[in-house]
Protein backbone atom coordinates (compact mmCIF):
# COMPACT_ATOMS: atom_id res chain seq x y z
CA MET A 1 -14.43 -16.29 21.07
CA HIS A 2 -14.23 -12.70 22.33
CA ARG A 3 -11.13 -12.05 20.52
CA ARG A 4 -12.87 -12.73 17.20
CA TRP A 5 -15.21 -9.64 17.55
CA PRO A 6 -12.68 -6.88 17.02
CA VAL A 7 -11.30 -8.83 13.91
CA ILE A 8 -14.68 -9.31 12.56
CA ILE A 9 -15.61 -5.66 13.09
CA THR A 10 -12.51 -4.53 11.78
CA ALA A 11 -12.99 -6.52 8.59
CA VAL A 12 -16.75 -5.24 8.09
CA VAL A 13 -15.50 -1.47 8.58
CA LEU A 14 -12.66 -2.07 6.06
CA CYS A 15 -14.94 -3.70 3.54
CA GLY A 16 -17.50 -1.00 3.86
CA LEU A 17 -14.75 1.72 3.34
CA LEU A 18 -13.50 -0.36 0.06
CA LEU A 19 -17.04 -0.43 -1.04
CA LEU A 20 -17.78 3.34 -0.56
CA ALA A 21 -14.35 4.04 -2.56
CA LEU A 22 -15.24 1.63 -5.33
CA THR A 23 -18.71 3.26 -5.66
CA PHE A 24 -17.20 6.70 -5.74
CA MET A 25 -14.76 5.55 -8.47
CA VAL A 26 -17.35 4.18 -10.60
CA GLN A 27 -19.45 7.31 -10.43
CA ALA A 28 -16.75 9.65 -10.95
CA TRP A 29 -15.64 7.58 -13.83
CA THR A 30 -18.79 7.50 -15.55
CA ARG A 31 -19.37 11.21 -15.18
CA ILE A 32 -16.41 12.17 -17.08
CA GLU A 33 -16.51 12.48 -20.77
CA ALA A 34 -12.95 13.08 -21.30
CA GLN A 35 -10.97 10.79 -23.41
CA MET A 36 -7.46 9.46 -23.10
CA SER A 37 -5.01 8.86 -25.85
CA VAL A 38 -2.74 5.68 -26.28
CA HIS A 39 0.20 7.75 -24.92
CA GLY A 40 -1.83 8.52 -21.90
CA TRP A 41 -2.54 4.87 -21.36
CA ILE A 42 1.00 3.81 -21.76
CA ALA A 43 2.09 6.66 -19.25
CA LEU A 44 -0.50 5.66 -16.82
CA THR A 45 0.43 1.71 -16.97
CA LEU A 46 4.22 2.68 -16.73
CA GLY A 47 3.67 4.82 -13.72
CA VAL A 48 1.67 2.23 -11.88
CA VAL A 49 3.99 -0.49 -12.88
CA LEU A 50 7.18 1.31 -11.96
CA SER A 51 5.58 2.72 -8.63
CA VAL A 52 4.67 -0.97 -7.51
CA ALA A 53 7.99 -2.27 -8.48
CA ILE A 54 9.74 0.33 -6.30
CA GLY A 55 7.46 -0.15 -3.39
CA SER A 56 7.82 -3.94 -3.61
CA GLY A 57 11.68 -3.55 -4.00
CA LEU A 58 11.83 -1.43 -0.80
CA MET A 59 9.85 -3.64 1.20
CA ALA A 60 11.75 -6.67 0.27
CA LEU A 61 15.09 -4.68 1.08
CA MET A 62 13.46 -3.72 4.48
CA PHE A 63 12.46 -7.43 5.13
CA PHE A 64 15.93 -8.53 4.11
CA SER A 65 17.56 -6.02 6.19
CA HIS A 66 15.47 -7.22 9.20
CA ARG A 67 16.15 -10.86 8.80
CA ARG A 68 19.87 -10.21 8.59
CA GLY A 69 20.03 -8.12 11.59
CA TYR A 70 21.36 -5.15 10.05
CA ASP A 71 19.07 -2.82 11.95
CA ASP A 72 20.30 -4.31 15.43
CA ALA A 73 23.66 -2.62 15.41
CA VAL A 74 22.06 0.80 15.20
CA GLY A 75 19.87 0.36 18.35
CA ARG A 76 22.88 -1.10 20.32
CA ASP A 77 25.13 1.89 19.59
CA GLU A 78 22.25 4.50 20.59
CA ASP A 79 22.05 2.53 24.07
CA ARG A 80 25.71 2.63 24.66
CA GLU A 81 25.97 6.31 24.20
CA LYS A 82 23.43 7.06 26.93
């Protein structure tokens, strides 16, 4: 039972920070009177999609490398030199 309290406290703090960030975002969004063109929306969408795709691809490569053991050889070579 004592192990659950840090998890609960962490979850509450993170949810609070998320709520604070969302509140700030909504207030900032409603105060701005600028308009974005269609080209701006296309550029924003492409930027977000490509950033998520690159990040996901790099994470997949990292997990693939770890599961195949490609990183293990690097650590063994450094230990032999010492």
